[in-house]
């Protein structure tokens, strides 16, 4: 029963995460430029969401992997809005996501756990500011 409640809460939280990038995408598309937007946090988030997707698959948690998989793509929309919506940009995003996912999924669980903590903690400076 607790597992079901946890998954439901995970899906609710995941829906919020999925929606967080959409206002930025709309703003960039409406303005026609991404001036003042730092690309590096969005690239770091791509790595983080790819890692969490793989981790969710590894621990068999649908709310973790589905929410992070979808959030990976909404974040990728921001990156493509900045870098250009090209096959090259999408290829690099997907390649980076696949490599990250494979490392987390097939790597030692202790290493994967540390990677997950570090990636999640990497957002703290942004939250504090």
Protein backbone atom coordinates (compact mmCIF):
# COMPACT_ATOMS: atom_id res chain seq x y z
CA UNK A 1 0.00 0.00 0.00
CA UNK A 2 2.80 2.43 0.86
CA UNK A 3 4.47 1.64 -2.45
CA UNK A 4 1.29 2.62 -4.33
CA UNK A 5 1.00 5.87 -2.36
CA UNK A 6 4.67 6.58 -3.07
CA UNK A 7 4.19 6.00 -6.79
CA UNK A 8 1.11 8.26 -6.88
CA UNK A 9 3.02 11.03 -5.09
CA UNK A 10 5.91 10.44 -7.49
CA UNK A 11 3.65 10.91 -10.50
CA UNK A 12 2.20 14.12 -9.00
CA UNK A 13 5.67 15.50 -8.35
CA UNK A 14 6.79 14.33 -11.77
CA UNK A 15 3.97 16.23 -13.46
CA UNK A 16 5.24 19.41 -11.83
CA UNK A 17 8.76 18.65 -13.03
CA UNK A 18 7.55 18.00 -16.57
CA UNK A 19 5.81 21.37 -16.68
CA UNK A 20 8.73 23.43 -15.32
CA UNK A 21 10.56 23.79 -18.63
CA UNK A 22 7.52 24.65 -20.73
CA UNK A 23 7.26 28.36 -19.77
CA UNK A 24 10.93 28.83 -20.69
CA UNK A 25 10.41 27.19 -24.08
CA UNK A 26 7.38 29.37 -24.79
CA UNK A 27 9.28 32.51 -23.73
CA UNK A 28 12.26 31.73 -25.98
CA UNK A 29 10.04 30.92 -28.94
CA UNK A 30 7.92 34.05 -28.40
CA UNK A 31 10.92 36.39 -28.04
CA UNK A 32 12.87 34.69 -30.81
CA UNK A 33 16.08 34.60 -28.77
CA UNK A 34 17.56 33.17 -25.59
CA UNK A 35 19.60 36.17 -24.50
CA UNK A 36 20.37 36.05 -20.79
CA UNK A 37 19.64 32.33 -20.50
CA UNK A 38 22.53 30.20 -19.28
CA UNK A 39 22.67 26.94 -21.21
CA UNK A 40 24.89 25.04 -18.74
CA UNK A 41 22.20 24.47 -16.06
CA UNK A 42 19.86 23.07 -18.70
CA UNK A 43 22.57 20.72 -19.98
CA UNK A 44 23.27 19.58 -16.41
CA UNK A 45 19.55 18.96 -15.94
CA UNK A 46 19.52 16.83 -19.09
CA UNK A 47 22.22 14.64 -17.58
CA UNK A 48 20.37 14.53 -14.27
CA UNK A 49 17.03 13.53 -15.83
CA UNK A 50 18.70 10.86 -17.99
CA UNK A 51 20.38 9.46 -14.88
CA UNK A 52 17.14 9.48 -12.89
CA UNK A 53 15.32 7.79 -15.76
CA UNK A 54 17.86 4.96 -15.74
CA UNK A 55 17.76 4.79 -11.95
CA UNK A 56 13.96 4.51 -12.03
CA UNK A 57 14.23 1.65 -14.50
CA UNK A 58 16.88 0.00 -12.36
CA UNK A 59 14.77 0.09 -9.20
CA UNK A 60 11.54 -0.64 -11.13
CA UNK A 61 9.76 2.57 -10.13
CA UNK A 62 7.41 3.75 -12.90
CA UNK A 63 6.90 7.17 -11.31
CA UNK A 64 10.65 7.83 -11.27
CA UNK A 65 11.49 6.69 -14.77
CA UNK A 66 8.38 7.93 -16.59
CA UNK A 67 8.41 11.39 -14.99
CA UNK A 68 12.15 11.86 -15.54
CA UNK A 69 11.97 10.51 -19.09
CA UNK A 70 9.29 13.08 -19.95
CA UNK A 71 11.12 15.84 -18.08
CA UNK A 72 14.26 14.98 -20.04
CA UNK A 73 12.37 15.81 -23.23
CA UNK A 74 10.80 19.04 -21.96
CA UNK A 75 14.29 20.13 -20.86
CA UNK A 76 15.61 19.12 -24.28
CA UNK A 77 13.06 21.50 -25.80
CA UNK A 78 14.73 24.38 -23.93
CA UNK A 79 18.17 23.29 -25.12
CA UNK A 80 16.98 23.01 -28.73
CA UNK A 81 15.31 26.40 -28.45
CA UNK A 82 18.70 27.85 -27.50
CA UNK A 83 21.01 25.77 -29.71
CA UNK A 84 18.68 25.33 -32.66
CA UNK A 85 16.20 22.63 -33.49
CA UNK A 86 18.49 20.55 -35.66
CA UNK A 87 19.22 16.87 -36.13
CA UNK A 88 22.73 17.47 -34.77
CA UNK A 89 21.44 19.06 -31.55
CA UNK A 90 18.89 16.30 -30.97
CA UNK A 91 21.50 13.64 -31.74
CA UNK A 92 23.91 15.07 -29.17
CA UNK A 93 21.15 15.33 -26.55
CA UNK A 94 20.01 11.76 -27.13
CA UNK A 95 23.55 10.38 -27.24
CA UNK A 96 24.40 12.11 -23.96
CA UNK A 97 21.20 10.81 -22.40
CA UNK A 98 21.82 7.25 -23.54
CA UNK A 99 25.43 7.23 -22.32
CA UNK A 100 24.41 8.65 -18.93
CA UNK A 101 21.54 6.19 -18.65
CA UNK A 102 23.73 3.20 -19.47
CA UNK A 103 26.33 4.23 -16.90
CA UNK A 104 23.70 4.53 -14.17
CA UNK A 105 21.75 1.43 -15.18
CA UNK A 106 24.71 -0.92 -15.58
CA UNK A 107 27.20 0.66 -13.20
CA UNK A 108 27.69 -0.47 -9.60
CA UNK A 109 24.66 0.55 -7.51
CA UNK A 110 26.89 2.31 -4.94
CA UNK A 111 28.35 4.50 -7.70
CA UNK A 112 24.89 5.14 -9.16
CA UNK A 113 23.63 6.24 -5.74
CA UNK A 114 26.50 8.70 -5.34
CA UNK A 115 25.95 10.04 -8.87
CA UNK A 116 22.25 10.55 -8.11
CA UNK A 117 23.00 12.49 -4.93
CA UNK A 118 25.63 14.66 -6.64
CA UNK A 119 23.40 15.42 -9.61
CA UNK A 120 20.47 16.28 -7.38
CA UNK A 121 22.70 18.41 -5.12
CA UNK A 122 24.01 20.28 -8.15
CA UNK A 123 20.72 22.19 -8.28
CA UNK A 124 21.11 23.58 -4.76
CA UNK A 125 23.04 26.74 -5.74
CA UNK A 126 20.29 27.59 -8.22
CA UNK A 127 17.59 27.03 -5.60
CA UNK A 128 19.44 29.11 -2.99
CA UNK A 129 19.82 32.04 -5.40
